[in-house]
Amino acid sequence: MVGTDSIVLGGKVLGVGEEITLDGAGGGVVLGTPELVTAGTDDHVEQLLGWADEVSGEVSRRGGEERLEAAQAVLRRRGV
């Protein structure tokens, strides 16, 4: 039920400004902001990131997203 300044979710009344977190993978809703736990990458992801580093010509301690973006930028400049 949605009110003007609150919502009832799973039997709990949540007021304006209360934080909730949506689990994009599982679809769950959690009250507040849970601690994030990241799993290690598997061999396939490591291989993909290795290829991205080869394409970009950079080897650093950047995160996976930045490594993939650097490779994409190089490929765009090459017209691939």
Protein backbone atom coordinates (compact mmCIF):
# COMPACT_ATOMS: atom_id res chain seq x y z
CA MET A 1 0.00 0.00 0.00
CA VAL A 2 1.33 3.42 -0.95
CA GLY A 3 0.46 6.50 1.07
CA THR A 4 1.40 10.14 0.63
CA ASP A 5 4.44 9.84 2.89
CA SER A 6 4.94 6.11 3.37
CA ILE A 7 4.69 2.72 1.75
CA VAL A 8 3.95 -0.69 3.27
CA LEU A 9 6.39 -3.27 1.99
CA GLY A 10 6.29 -6.82 3.32
CA GLY A 11 4.25 -5.70 6.30
CA LYS A 12 6.75 -2.97 7.27
CA VAL A 13 5.93 0.72 6.98
CA LEU A 14 8.70 2.67 5.23
CA GLY A 15 8.67 6.43 5.51
CA VAL A 16 9.96 9.07 3.14
CA GLY A 17 13.73 8.97 2.88
CA GLU A 18 14.26 5.43 4.15
CA GLU A 19 16.80 3.61 2.06
CA ILE A 20 16.08 0.34 0.33
CA THR A 21 18.33 -1.72 -1.89
CA LEU A 22 17.13 -3.67 -4.90
CA ASP A 23 18.97 -6.87 -5.78
CA GLY A 24 19.29 -6.64 -9.56
CA ALA A 25 20.31 -10.27 -9.88
CA GLY A 26 17.75 -11.91 -7.62
CA GLY A 27 15.00 -9.30 -7.49
CA GLY A 28 14.95 -9.03 -3.71
CA VAL A 29 14.36 -5.86 -1.71
CA VAL A 30 16.44 -5.15 1.39
CA LEU A 31 15.86 -2.40 3.92
CA GLY A 32 18.92 -0.16 4.19
CA THR A 33 22.23 -0.52 2.43
CA PRO A 34 23.78 -3.96 2.90
CA GLU A 35 27.50 -4.55 2.78
CA LEU A 36 28.57 -5.60 -0.69
CA VAL A 37 30.47 -8.82 -1.10
CA THR A 38 32.22 -9.34 -4.39
CA ALA A 39 33.17 -12.78 -5.55
CA GLY A 40 36.49 -13.45 -7.18
CA THR A 41 36.54 -13.60 -10.94
CA ASP A 42 36.62 -16.88 -12.76
CA ASP A 43 39.08 -17.93 -15.46
CA HIS A 44 36.78 -16.81 -18.30
CA VAL A 45 36.50 -13.27 -16.94
CA GLU A 46 40.26 -13.12 -16.39
CA GLN A 47 40.82 -14.21 -20.01
CA LEU A 48 38.44 -11.52 -21.28
CA LEU A 49 40.18 -8.86 -19.20
CA GLY A 50 43.56 -10.07 -20.44
CA TRP A 51 42.39 -9.62 -24.03
CA ALA A 52 41.09 -6.15 -23.15
CA ASP A 53 44.53 -5.24 -21.77
CA GLU A 54 46.19 -6.51 -24.96
CA VAL A 55 43.89 -4.39 -27.12
CA SER A 56 44.27 -1.25 -25.01
CA GLY A 57 48.02 -1.74 -24.59
CA GLU A 58 47.70 -0.90 -20.92
CA VAL A 59 48.46 -3.07 -17.93
CA SER A 60 47.47 -1.60 -14.60
CA ARG A 61 45.49 -2.27 -11.47
CA ARG A 62 42.32 -0.71 -12.87
CA GLY A 63 39.01 -2.38 -12.25
CA GLY A 64 37.46 -4.65 -14.85
CA GLU A 65 35.01 -2.03 -16.07
CA GLU A 66 37.77 0.51 -16.74
CA ARG A 67 39.88 -2.13 -18.51
CA LEU A 68 37.00 -3.04 -20.82
CA GLU A 69 36.19 0.62 -21.51
CA ALA A 70 39.82 1.31 -22.46
CA ALA A 71 39.74 -1.57 -24.96
CA GLN A 72 36.42 -0.36 -26.38
CA ALA A 73 37.85 3.13 -26.87
CA VAL A 74 40.79 1.72 -28.84
CA LEU A 75 38.51 -0.41 -31.00
CA ARG A 76 36.25 2.60 -31.73
CA ARG A 77 39.28 4.66 -32.81
CA ARG A 78 40.27 1.82 -35.14
CA GLY A 79 36.74 1.74 -36.56
CA VAL A 80 36.11 -1.81 -35.40
